[in-house]
Amino acid sequence: MSAKATVAVLGPGAVGGVLAVGLLRAGVRVVCIARPGTADVITSNGLTLKHLNDVETARPEVATELREPVDLLLVTVKAPALDEALERVQAPARSVIPLLNGIEHMQTLRDSLPESTVVAGSIGWIEAWLERAGTIVQNTPRVVMTLSGDADAATAELLRASRSDVKIDGSEVAVLWEKLARQAPVAAATTASQRPIGELRSDPELRSRLEQAIEETCAVATADGVPLAFDTQWEIIESMPPKLTSSTARDVAAGRPSELDAISGAAVRAAHRLGVAAPALERLLADAEERCRPQSR
């Protein structure tokens, strides 16, 4: 697969927009598949990426439905929008890489896109958000992406053209759990407290609750065949910028649909399915769900 390949981005929001701009910069043909309102904005104004001290505008092709076969389809919508977004995919892709949070979306994609090869993908912590439709702010330096071992090297090389760090490593379930084991507790904790990661680390009570929940998610992952160590996951959390928060917390604070159920809820459901006790994670999720209720905002 070369830079002449065609990449479709289903959901050119924060993550999808960052990747689309990077691929366009490298000369890759990119087609953004968006809702009509967003499609109109991108058609008129392009995609603008505000990255640290740089501002860059790129002009992808735009459509409201995918009606031509493509080499790669990046699914970058958030979980609550997945079913509706997939209705806009009317043609197959050689490879499909979903960059959704959680672990429960893979079968949905395979059922919806039976002619395509769906490969698990995961993006490491990235702080990026939509300032408005077509304008993305990215505060973290680079995109770090992991693809499961069934990904082909050509797809990884194409994604590297966007200046992303891409590695092929591990089974599908391992790729998904390696992120979810820390993301589920952090998403719930930042949502419940509406405080960034640095304050969670420095507050003794919040830190203890977060540590307990991560110990539990590591145990759930291990029971699911993915041995994960608490120390490794906590080291990653310690390395996060202190002002970093989660997209879930930002969405809940703004009154938007969130991925809380797809992230933290999925981890709790996995714990129940595998018979692993997760009381700290369940309490964090309950507190976060309380924050979601209109009277609690």
C-alpha atoms as a PDB file:
ATOM      1  CA  MET A   1       0.000   0.000   0.000  1.00  0.00           C
ATOM      2  CA  SER A   2       1.434   3.393  -0.976  1.00  0.00           C
ATOM      3  CA  ALA A   3       0.709   7.069  -0.534  1.00  0.00           C
ATOM      4  CA  LYS A   4      -1.556   6.680  -3.593  1.00  0.00           C
ATOM      5  CA  ALA A   5      -3.895   4.528  -1.515  1.00  0.00           C
ATOM      6  CA  THR A   6      -7.286   5.905  -0.539  1.00  0.00           C
ATOM      7  CA  VAL A   7      -8.117   6.251   3.146  1.00  0.00           C
ATOM      8  CA  ALA A   8     -11.648   6.986   4.334  1.00  0.00           C
ATOM      9  CA  VAL A   9     -12.122   8.543   7.757  1.00  0.00           C
ATOM     10  CA  LEU A  10     -15.524   7.790   9.253  1.00  0.00           C
ATOM     11  CA  GLY A  11     -16.064  10.547  11.783  1.00  0.00           C
ATOM     12  CA  PRO A  12     -13.531  13.354  11.169  1.00  0.00           C
ATOM     13  CA  GLY A  13     -13.740  14.673  14.709  1.00  0.00           C
ATOM     14  CA  ALA A  14     -10.784  15.026  17.071  1.00  0.00           C
ATOM     15  CA  VAL A  15      -8.818  11.801  16.467  1.00  0.00           C
ATOM     16  CA  GLY A  16     -10.110  11.358  12.911  1.00  0.00           C
ATOM     17  CA  GLY A  17      -9.277  14.958  12.081  1.00  0.00           C
ATOM     18  CA  VAL A  18      -5.736  14.680  13.426  1.00  0.00           C
ATOM     19  CA  LEU A  19      -5.085  11.582  11.310  1.00  0.00           C
ATOM     20  CA  ALA A  20      -6.779  13.006   8.219  1.00  0.00           C
ATOM     21  CA  VAL A  21      -4.624  16.146   8.304  1.00  0.00           C
ATOM     22  CA  GLY A  22      -1.478  14.086   8.805  1.00  0.00           C
ATOM     23  CA  LEU A  23      -2.276  11.759   5.908  1.00  0.00           C
ATOM     24  CA  LEU A  24      -3.148  14.660   3.610  1.00  0.00           C
ATOM     25  CA  ARG A  25       0.144  16.312   4.498  1.00  0.00           C
ATOM     26  CA  ALA A  26       1.877  13.157   3.254  1.00  0.00           C
ATOM     27  CA  GLY A  27       0.015  13.199  -0.065  1.00  0.00           C
ATOM     28  CA  VAL A  28      -2.433  10.400   0.723  1.00  0.00           C
ATOM     29  CA  ARG A  29      -5.909  10.626  -0.779  1.00  0.00           C
ATOM     30  CA  VAL A  30      -8.326  11.068   2.134  1.00  0.00           C
ATOM     31  CA  VAL A  31     -12.118  10.976   2.009  1.00  0.00           C
ATOM     32  CA  CYS A  32     -13.881  12.194   5.150  1.00  0.00           C
ATOM     33  CA  ILE A  33     -17.305  10.620   5.753  1.00  0.00           C
ATOM     34  CA  ALA A  34     -19.332  12.974   7.928  1.00  0.00           C
ATOM     35  CA  ARG A  35     -22.834  14.032   8.819  1.00  0.00           C
ATOM     36  CA  PRO A  36     -24.288  16.626   6.429  1.00  0.00           C
ATOM     37  CA  GLY A  37     -23.643  19.647   8.642  1.00  0.00           C
ATOM     38  CA  THR A  38     -20.045  18.683   9.334  1.00  0.00           C
ATOM     39  CA  ALA A  39     -19.521  17.748   5.682  1.00  0.00           C
ATOM     40  CA  ASP A  40     -20.651  21.222   4.629  1.00  0.00           C
ATOM     41  CA  VAL A  41     -18.231  22.894   7.047  1.00  0.00           C
ATOM     42  CA  ILE A  42     -15.246  20.800   5.925  1.00  0.00           C
ATOM     43  CA  THR A  43     -16.130  21.302   2.261  1.00  0.00           C
ATOM     44  CA  SER A  44     -16.240  25.069   2.759  1.00  0.00           C
ATOM     45  CA  ASN A  45     -13.378  25.585   5.211  1.00  0.00           C
ATOM     46  CA  GLY A  46     -11.250  22.431   5.180  1.00  0.00           C
ATOM     47  CA  LEU A  47      -9.914  20.721   8.300  1.00  0.00           C
ATOM     48  CA  THR A  48      -7.865  22.938  10.596  1.00  0.00           C
ATOM     49  CA  LEU A  49      -5.489  21.402  13.137  1.00  0.00           C
ATOM     50  CA  LYS A  50      -4.144  23.549  15.968  1.00  0.00           C
ATOM     51  CA  HIS A  51      -1.223  21.502  17.242  1.00  0.00           C
ATOM     52  CA  LEU A  52       0.847  23.025  20.020  1.00  0.00           C
ATOM     53  CA  ASN A  53       2.193  26.209  18.360  1.00  0.00           C
ATOM     54  CA  ASP A  54       1.285  25.312  14.770  1.00  0.00           C
ATOM     55  CA  VAL A  55      -1.916  25.830  12.790  1.00  0.00           C
ATOM     56  CA  GLU A  56      -2.468  23.809   9.606  1.00  0.00           C
ATOM     57  CA  THR A  57      -5.454  23.607   7.266  1.00  0.00           C
ATOM     58  CA  ALA A  58      -5.952  20.709   4.858  1.00  0.00           C
ATOM     59  CA  ARG A  59      -8.685  20.014   2.320  1.00  0.00           C
ATOM     60  CA  PRO A  60      -9.808  16.395   2.129  1.00  0.00           C
ATOM     61  CA  GLU A  61     -12.514  15.069  -0.120  1.00  0.00           C
ATOM     62  CA  VAL A  62     -15.815  14.978   1.759  1.00  0.00           C
ATOM     63  CA  ALA A  63     -18.932  12.825   1.473  1.00  0.00           C
ATOM     64  CA  THR A  64     -21.908  11.941   3.631  1.00  0.00           C
ATOM     65  CA  GLU A  65     -21.689   8.268   2.599  1.00  0.00           C
ATOM     66  CA  LEU A  66     -18.868   5.971   1.533  1.00  0.00           C
ATOM     67  CA  ARG A  67     -19.898   4.665  -1.889  1.00  0.00           C
ATOM     68  CA  GLU A  68     -16.551   3.533  -3.343  1.00  0.00           C
ATOM     69  CA  PRO A  69     -14.215   0.758  -2.179  1.00  0.00           C
ATOM     70  CA  VAL A  70     -11.181   2.077  -0.306  1.00  0.00           C
ATOM     71  CA  ASP A  71      -7.891   0.637   0.862  1.00  0.00           C
ATOM     72  CA  LEU A  72      -8.339   1.631   4.491  1.00  0.00           C
ATOM     73  CA  LEU A  73     -11.297   2.773   6.549  1.00  0.00           C
ATOM     74  CA  LEU A  74     -10.492   4.465   9.851  1.00  0.00           C
ATOM     75  CA  VAL A  75     -13.487   4.396  12.186  1.00  0.00           C
ATOM     76  CA  THR A  76     -12.998   7.300  14.562  1.00  0.00           C
ATOM     77  CA  VAL A  77     -16.495   8.074  15.804  1.00  0.00           C
ATOM     78  CA  LYS A  78     -17.267   7.748  19.492  1.00  0.00           C
ATOM     79  CA  ALA A  79     -19.103   4.654  20.697  1.00  0.00           C
ATOM     80  CA  PRO A  80     -22.593   6.205  21.062  1.00  0.00           C
ATOM     81  CA  ALA A  81     -22.479   7.239  17.382  1.00  0.00           C
ATOM     82  CA  LEU A  82     -21.142   3.963  15.949  1.00  0.00           C
ATOM     83  CA  ASP A  83     -24.372   2.331  14.784  1.00  0.00           C
ATOM     84  CA  GLU A  84     -25.605   5.462  13.027  1.00  0.00           C
ATOM     85  CA  ALA A  85     -22.198   6.074  11.436  1.00  0.00           C
ATOM     86  CA  LEU A  86     -21.970   2.545  10.032  1.00  0.00           C
ATOM     87  CA  GLU A  87     -25.187   3.126   8.110  1.00  0.00           C
ATOM     88  CA  ARG A  88     -23.203   5.625   6.023  1.00  0.00           C
ATOM     89  CA  VAL A  89     -20.719   2.955   4.869  1.00  0.00           C
ATOM     90  CA  GLN A  90     -22.090   1.537   1.621  1.00  0.00           C
ATOM     91  CA  ALA A  91     -18.872   0.088   0.151  1.00  0.00           C
ATOM     92  CA  PRO A  92     -16.165  -2.263   1.462  1.00  0.00           C
ATOM     93  CA  ALA A  93     -12.681  -1.402   2.616  1.00  0.00           C
ATOM     94  CA  ARG A  94      -9.696  -3.697   2.242  1.00  0.00           C
ATOM     95  CA  SER A  95      -8.857  -3.035   5.884  1.00  0.00           C
ATOM     96  CA  VAL A  96     -10.905  -1.440   8.651  1.00  0.00           C
ATOM     97  CA  ILE A  97      -9.212  -0.078  11.760  1.00  0.00           C
ATOM     98  CA  PRO A  98     -11.543   1.090  14.515  1.00  0.00           C
ATOM     99  CA  LEU A  99      -9.936   3.542  16.918  1.00  0.00           C
ATOM    100  CA  LEU A 100     -12.776   3.464  19.404  1.00  0.00           C
ATOM    101  CA  ASN A 101     -12.428   3.183  23.131  1.00  0.00           C
ATOM    102  CA  GLY A 102     -13.597   0.020  24.868  1.00  0.00           C
ATOM    103  CA  ILE A 103     -13.591  -3.652  23.910  1.00  0.00           C
ATOM    104  CA  GLU A 104     -17.119  -4.381  22.720  1.00  0.00           C
ATOM    105  CA  HIS A 105     -17.159  -2.776  19.264  1.00  0.00           C
ATOM    106  CA  MET A 106     -15.235  -5.340  17.207  1.00  0.00           C
ATOM    107  CA  GLN A 107     -18.126  -7.727  16.592  1.00  0.00           C
ATOM    108  CA  THR A 108     -20.437  -4.831  15.714  1.00  0.00           C
ATOM    109  CA  LEU A 109     -18.019  -3.788  12.987  1.00  0.00           C
ATOM    110  CA  ARG A 110     -17.559  -7.309  11.635  1.00  0.00           C
ATOM    111  CA  ASP A 111     -21.309  -7.842  11.489  1.00  0.00           C
ATOM    112  CA  SER A 112     -21.808  -4.532   9.667  1.00  0.00           C
ATOM    113  CA  LEU A 113     -18.822  -4.851   7.288  1.00  0.00           C
ATOM    114  CA  PRO A 114     -18.592  -8.573   6.422  1.00  0.00           C
ATOM    115  CA  GLU A 115     -16.576  -7.989   3.234  1.00  0.00           C
ATOM    116  CA  SER A 116     -13.824  -6.087   5.038  1.00  0.00           C
ATOM    117  CA  THR A 117     -10.986  -7.213   7.295  1.00  0.00           C
ATOM    118  CA  VAL A 118     -11.407  -5.557  10.683  1.00  0.00           C
ATOM    119  CA  VAL A 119      -8.186  -5.139  12.663  1.00  0.00           C
ATOM    120  CA  ALA A 120      -8.047  -3.993  16.274  1.00  0.00           C
ATOM    121  CA  GLY A 121      -6.363  -0.668  16.857  1.00  0.00           C
ATOM    122  CA  SER A 122      -5.723   1.491  19.865  1.00  0.00           C
ATOM    123  CA  ILE A 123      -4.455   5.040  20.276  1.00  0.00           C
ATOM    124  CA  GLY A 124      -2.447   5.846  23.368  1.00  0.00           C
ATOM    125  CA  TRP A 125      -3.410   8.821  25.473  1.00  0.00           C
ATOM    126  CA  ILE A 126      -4.029  11.758  23.189  1.00  0.00           C
ATOM    127  CA  GLU A 127      -5.525  15.058  24.275  1.00  0.00           C
ATOM    128  CA  ALA A 128      -7.404  16.379  21.271  1.00  0.00           C
ATOM    129  CA  TRP A 129     -10.820  17.906  20.937  1.00  0.00           C
ATOM    130  CA  LEU A 130     -13.060  19.759  18.523  1.00  0.00           C
ATOM    131  CA  GLU A 131     -12.975  23.498  19.040  1.00  0.00           C
ATOM    132  CA  ARG A 132     -15.839  23.537  16.537  1.00  0.00           C
ATOM    133  CA  ALA A 133     -16.784  21.446  13.514  1.00  0.00           C
ATOM    134  CA  GLY A 134     -13.733  21.189  11.249  1.00  0.00           C
ATOM    135  CA  THR A 135     -11.290  22.666  13.791  1.00  0.00           C
ATOM    136  CA  ILE A 136      -9.264  20.354  16.042  1.00  0.00           C
ATOM    137  CA  VAL A 137      -6.997  21.231  18.955  1.00  0.00           C
ATOM    138  CA  GLN A 138      -4.264  18.709  19.817  1.00  0.00           C
ATOM    139  CA  ASN A 139      -2.156  19.284  22.937  1.00  0.00           C
ATOM    140  CA  THR A 140      -0.113  16.084  22.949  1.00  0.00           C
ATOM    141  CA  PRO A 141       2.979  15.836  20.710  1.00  0.00           C
ATOM    142  CA  ARG A 142       2.282  12.766  18.573  1.00  0.00           C
ATOM    143  CA  VAL A 143      -0.226  10.032  17.884  1.00  0.00           C
ATOM    144  CA  VAL A 144       0.915   6.672  19.255  1.00  0.00           C
ATOM    145  CA  MET A 145      -1.009   3.749  17.789  1.00  0.00           C
ATOM    146  CA  THR A 146      -0.933  -0.011  18.312  1.00  0.00           C
ATOM    147  CA  LEU A 147      -2.415  -2.489  15.832  1.00  0.00           C
ATOM    148  CA  SER A 148      -3.041  -6.150  16.563  1.00  0.00           C
ATOM    149  CA  GLY A 149      -0.740  -8.757  15.104  1.00  0.00           C
ATOM    150  CA  ASP A 150      -3.087  -9.572  12.212  1.00  0.00           C
ATOM    151  CA  ALA A 151      -2.504  -6.097  10.705  1.00  0.00           C
ATOM    152  CA  ASP A 152      -0.383  -6.014   7.582  1.00  0.00           C
ATOM    153  CA  ALA A 153       2.835  -4.042   7.355  1.00  0.00           C
ATOM    154  CA  ALA A 154       1.602  -1.936   4.429  1.00  0.00           C
ATOM    155  CA  THR A 155      -1.300  -0.577   6.464  1.00  0.00           C
ATOM    156  CA  ALA A 156       1.031   0.321   9.327  1.00  0.00           C
ATOM    157  CA  GLU A 157       3.419   2.050   6.932  1.00  0.00           C
ATOM    158  CA  LEU A 158       0.567   4.064   5.432  1.00  0.00           C
ATOM    159  CA  LEU A 159      -0.500   5.246   8.885  1.00  0.00           C
ATOM    160  CA  ARG A 160       3.087   6.186   9.693  1.00  0.00           C
ATOM    161  CA  ALA A 161       2.875   8.646   6.812  1.00  0.00           C
ATOM    162  CA  SER A 162       0.630  10.737   9.085  1.00  0.00           C
ATOM    163  CA  ARG A 163       3.640  11.128  11.442  1.00  0.00           C
ATOM    164  CA  SER A 164       2.082   8.682  13.871  1.00  0.00           C
ATOM    165  CA  ASP A 165       4.123   6.169  15.839  1.00  0.00           C
ATOM    166  CA  VAL A 166       2.600   2.833  14.799  1.00  0.00           C
ATOM    167  CA  LYS A 167       3.512  -0.623  16.044  1.00  0.00           C
ATOM    168  CA  ILE A 168       2.031  -4.040  15.316  1.00  0.00           C
ATOM    169  CA  ASP A 169       2.010  -6.006  18.531  1.00  0.00           C
ATOM    170  CA  GLY A 170      -0.117  -8.586  20.281  1.00  0.00           C
ATOM    171  CA  SER A 171      -3.487 -10.228  19.920  1.00  0.00           C
ATOM    172  CA  GLU A 172      -6.718  -8.338  19.380  1.00  0.00           C
ATOM    173  CA  VAL A 173      -7.806  -8.720  22.990  1.00  0.00           C
ATOM    174  CA  ALA A 174      -4.355  -7.683  24.246  1.00  0.00           C
ATOM    175  CA  VAL A 175      -4.361  -4.474  22.191  1.00  0.00           C
ATOM    176  CA  LEU A 176      -7.766  -3.515  23.557  1.00  0.00           C
ATOM    177  CA  TRP A 177      -7.151  -4.429  27.198  1.00  0.00           C
ATOM    178  CA  GLU A 178      -3.740  -2.790  27.429  1.00  0.00           C
ATOM    179  CA  LYS A 179      -5.451   0.583  27.095  1.00  0.00           C
ATOM    180  CA  LEU A 180      -8.750  -0.197  28.784  1.00  0.00           C
ATOM    181  CA  ALA A 181      -7.093  -1.419  31.990  1.00  0.00           C
ATOM    182  CA  ARG A 182      -6.034   2.133  32.861  1.00  0.00           C
ATOM    183  CA  GLN A 183      -8.557   4.042  30.753  1.00  0.00           C
ATOM    184  CA  ALA A 184     -11.657   2.605  32.448  1.00  0.00           C
ATOM    185  CA  PRO A 185     -10.623   3.766  35.937  1.00  0.00           C
ATOM    186  CA  VAL A 186      -9.257   7.106  34.705  1.00  0.00           C
ATOM    187  CA  ALA A 187     -12.342   7.893  32.610  1.00  0.00           C
ATOM    188  CA  ALA A 188     -14.623   7.161  35.565  1.00  0.00           C
ATOM    189  CA  ALA A 189     -12.435   9.004  38.075  1.00  0.00           C
ATOM    190  CA  THR A 190     -11.954  12.140  35.983  1.00  0.00           C
ATOM    191  CA  THR A 191     -15.661  12.201  35.153  1.00  0.00           C
ATOM    192  CA  ALA A 192     -16.809  11.705  38.740  1.00  0.00           C
ATOM    193  CA  SER A 193     -14.399  14.296  40.164  1.00  0.00           C
ATOM    194  CA  GLN A 194     -14.096  16.637  37.162  1.00  0.00           C
ATOM    195  CA  ARG A 195     -10.423  16.924  38.100  1.00  0.00           C
ATOM    196  CA  PRO A 196      -7.364  16.271  35.868  1.00  0.00           C
ATOM    197  CA  ILE A 197      -4.966  13.384  36.268  1.00  0.00           C
ATOM    198  CA  GLY A 198      -2.404  15.395  38.269  1.00  0.00           C
ATOM    199  CA  GLU A 199      -4.952  16.174  40.960  1.00  0.00           C
ATOM    200  CA  LEU A 200      -6.085  12.557  41.060  1.00  0.00           C
ATOM    201  CA  ARG A 201      -2.483  11.503  41.654  1.00  0.00           C
ATOM    202  CA  SER A 202      -1.842  14.095  44.377  1.00  0.00           C
ATOM    203  CA  ASP A 203      -5.069  13.703  46.388  1.00  0.00           C
ATOM    204  CA  PRO A 204      -4.538  10.733  48.771  1.00  0.00           C
ATOM    205  CA  GLU A 205      -8.153   9.552  48.710  1.00  0.00           C
ATOM    206  CA  LEU A 206      -8.615   9.887  44.963  1.00  0.00           C
ATOM    207  CA  ARG A 207      -5.234   8.286  44.305  1.00  0.00           C
ATOM    208  CA  SER A 208      -6.097   5.309  46.503  1.00  0.00           C
ATOM    209  CA  ARG A 209      -9.435   4.789  44.742  1.00  0.00           C
ATOM    210  CA  LEU A 210      -7.763   5.010  41.342  1.00  0.00           C
ATOM    211  CA  GLU A 211      -5.003   2.583  42.323  1.00  0.00           C
ATOM    212  CA  GLN A 212      -7.516   0.045  43.612  1.00  0.00           C
ATOM    213  CA  ALA A 213      -9.569   0.281  40.426  1.00  0.00           C
ATOM    214  CA  ILE A 214      -6.497  -0.246  38.243  1.00  0.00           C
ATOM    215  CA  GLU A 215      -5.499  -3.286  40.278  1.00  0.00           C
ATOM    216  CA  GLU A 216      -8.981  -4.636  39.573  1.00  0.00           C
ATOM    217  CA  THR A 217      -8.909  -3.973  35.820  1.00  0.00           C
ATOM    218  CA  CYS A 218      -5.494  -5.639  35.589  1.00  0.00           C
ATOM    219  CA  ALA A 219      -7.024  -8.672  37.305  1.00  0.00           C
ATOM    220  CA  VAL A 220      -9.954  -8.657  34.852  1.00  0.00           C
ATOM    221  CA  ALA A 221      -7.596  -8.422  31.873  1.00  0.00           C
ATOM    222  CA  THR A 222      -5.514 -11.284  33.271  1.00  0.00           C
ATOM    223  CA  ALA A 223      -8.645 -13.401  33.637  1.00  0.00           C
ATOM    224  CA  ASP A 224      -9.420 -12.607  29.990  1.00  0.00           C
ATOM    225  CA  GLY A 225      -6.040 -13.982  28.921  1.00  0.00           C
ATOM    226  CA  VAL A 226      -4.066 -10.731  28.931  1.00  0.00           C
ATOM    227  CA  PRO A 227      -1.677 -10.650  31.912  1.00  0.00           C
ATOM    228  CA  LEU A 228      -1.199  -7.027  32.934  1.00  0.00           C
ATOM    229  CA  ALA A 229       0.802  -5.711  35.884  1.00  0.00           C
ATOM    230  CA  PHE A 230      -0.435  -2.858  38.037  1.00  0.00           C
ATOM    231  CA  ASP A 231       3.048  -1.328  38.293  1.00  0.00           C
ATOM    232  CA  THR A 232       3.341  -1.012  34.517  1.00  0.00           C
ATOM    233  CA  GLN A 233      -0.060   0.620  34.164  1.00  0.00           C
ATOM    234  CA  TRP A 234       0.557   2.998  37.052  1.00  0.00           C
ATOM    235  CA  GLU A 235       3.909   4.029  35.605  1.00  0.00           C
ATOM    236  CA  ILE A 236       2.074   5.168  32.469  1.00  0.00           C
ATOM    237  CA  ILE A 237      -0.402   7.152  34.559  1.00  0.00           C
ATOM    238  CA  GLU A 238       2.461   8.778  36.466  1.00  0.00           C
ATOM    239  CA  SER A 239       3.961   9.911  33.158  1.00  0.00           C
ATOM    240  CA  MET A 240       0.789  11.680  31.995  1.00  0.00           C
ATOM    241  CA  PRO A 241       0.832  15.499  31.996  1.00  0.00           C
ATOM    242  CA  PRO A 242      -0.805  16.749  35.215  1.00  0.00           C
ATOM    243  CA  LYS A 243      -3.454  18.795  33.402  1.00  0.00           C
ATOM    244  CA  LEU A 244      -4.522  15.874  31.215  1.00  0.00           C
ATOM    245  CA  THR A 245      -8.141  14.857  31.568  1.00  0.00           C
ATOM    246  CA  SER A 246     -10.341  12.443  29.615  1.00  0.00           C
ATOM    247  CA  SER A 247     -12.652  13.052  26.687  1.00  0.00           C
ATOM    248  CA  THR A 248     -15.347  11.346  28.754  1.00  0.00           C
ATOM    249  CA  ALA A 249     -15.024  13.936  31.509  1.00  0.00           C
ATOM    250  CA  ARG A 250     -15.086  16.774  28.975  1.00  0.00           C
ATOM    251  CA  ASP A 251     -18.173  15.370  27.247  1.00  0.00           C
ATOM    252  CA  VAL A 252     -20.066  14.898  30.511  1.00  0.00           C
ATOM    253  CA  ALA A 253     -19.145  18.399  31.692  1.00  0.00           C
ATOM    254  CA  ALA A 254     -20.474  19.809  28.414  1.00  0.00           C
ATOM    255  CA  GLY A 255     -23.685  17.781  28.523  1.00  0.00           C
ATOM    256  CA  ARG A 256     -22.774  15.723  25.457  1.00  0.00           C
ATOM    257  CA  PRO A 257     -23.226  11.940  25.008  1.00  0.00           C
ATOM    258  CA  SER A 258     -20.191  10.224  26.479  1.00  0.00           C
ATOM    259  CA  GLU A 259     -18.306   6.953  26.188  1.00  0.00           C
ATOM    260  CA  LEU A 260     -18.539   6.218  29.914  1.00  0.00           C
ATOM    261  CA  ASP A 261     -20.570   3.054  29.346  1.00  0.00           C
ATOM    262  CA  ALA A 262     -18.363   1.874  26.452  1.00  0.00           C
ATOM    263  CA  ILE A 263     -15.203   2.362  28.526  1.00  0.00           C
ATOM    264  CA  SER A 264     -15.826   1.948  32.255  1.00  0.00           C
ATOM    265  CA  GLY A 265     -19.114   0.088  31.816  1.00  0.00           C
ATOM    266  CA  ALA A 266     -17.458  -2.405  29.474  1.00  0.00           C
ATOM    267  CA  ALA A 267     -14.744  -3.138  32.045  1.00  0.00           C
ATOM    268  CA  VAL A 268     -17.347  -3.730  34.748  1.00  0.00           C
ATOM    269  CA  ARG A 269     -19.341  -6.025  32.457  1.00  0.00           C
ATOM    270  CA  ALA A 270     -16.155  -7.978  31.680  1.00  0.00           C
ATOM    271  CA  ALA A 271     -15.490  -8.336  35.414  1.00  0.00           C
ATOM    272  CA  HIS A 272     -18.981  -9.784  35.918  1.00  0.00           C
ATOM    273  CA  ARG A 273     -18.580 -12.091  32.913  1.00  0.00           C
ATOM    274  CA  LEU A 274     -15.232 -13.399  34.150  1.00  0.00           C
ATOM    275  CA  GLY A 275     -16.163 -13.605  37.827  1.00  0.00           C
ATOM    276  CA  VAL A 276     -13.623 -11.023  39.022  1.00  0.00           C
ATOM    277  CA  ALA A 277     -14.547  -8.707  41.885  1.00  0.00           C
ATOM    278  CA  ALA A 278     -14.202  -5.015  40.995  1.00  0.00           C
ATOM    279  CA  PRO A 279     -15.847  -3.002  43.800  1.00  0.00           C
ATOM    280  CA  ALA A 280     -13.588   0.070  43.489  1.00  0.00           C
ATOM    281  CA  LEU A 281     -14.211   0.347  39.754  1.00  0.00           C
ATOM    282  CA  GLU A 282     -17.939  -0.154  40.259  1.00  0.00           C
ATOM    283  CA  ARG A 283     -18.026   2.659  42.839  1.00  0.00           C
ATOM    284  CA  LEU A 284     -16.128   5.003  40.521  1.00  0.00           C
ATOM    285  CA  LEU A 285     -18.523   4.167  37.691  1.00  0.00           C
ATOM    286  CA  ALA A 286     -21.551   4.792  39.914  1.00  0.00           C
ATOM    287  CA  ASP A 287     -20.126   8.176  40.962  1.00  0.00           C
ATOM    288  CA  ALA A 288     -19.440   9.072  37.329  1.00  0.00           C
ATOM    289  CA  GLU A 289     -22.958   8.032  36.290  1.00  0.00           C
ATOM    290  CA  GLU A 290     -24.338  10.271  39.027  1.00  0.00           C
ATOM    291  CA  ARG A 291     -22.366  13.146  37.502  1.00  0.00           C
ATOM    292  CA  CYS A 292     -24.072  12.403  34.177  1.00  0.00           C
ATOM    293  CA  ARG A 293     -27.540  12.999  35.564  1.00  0.00           C
ATOM    294  CA  PRO A 294     -28.863  16.475  34.693  1.00  0.00           C
ATOM    295  CA  GLN A 295     -29.459  17.475  38.313  1.00  0.00           C
ATOM    296  CA  SER A 296     -25.833  16.652  39.161  1.00  0.00           C
ATOM    297  CA  ARG A 297     -24.187  18.869  36.566  1.00  0.00           C
END
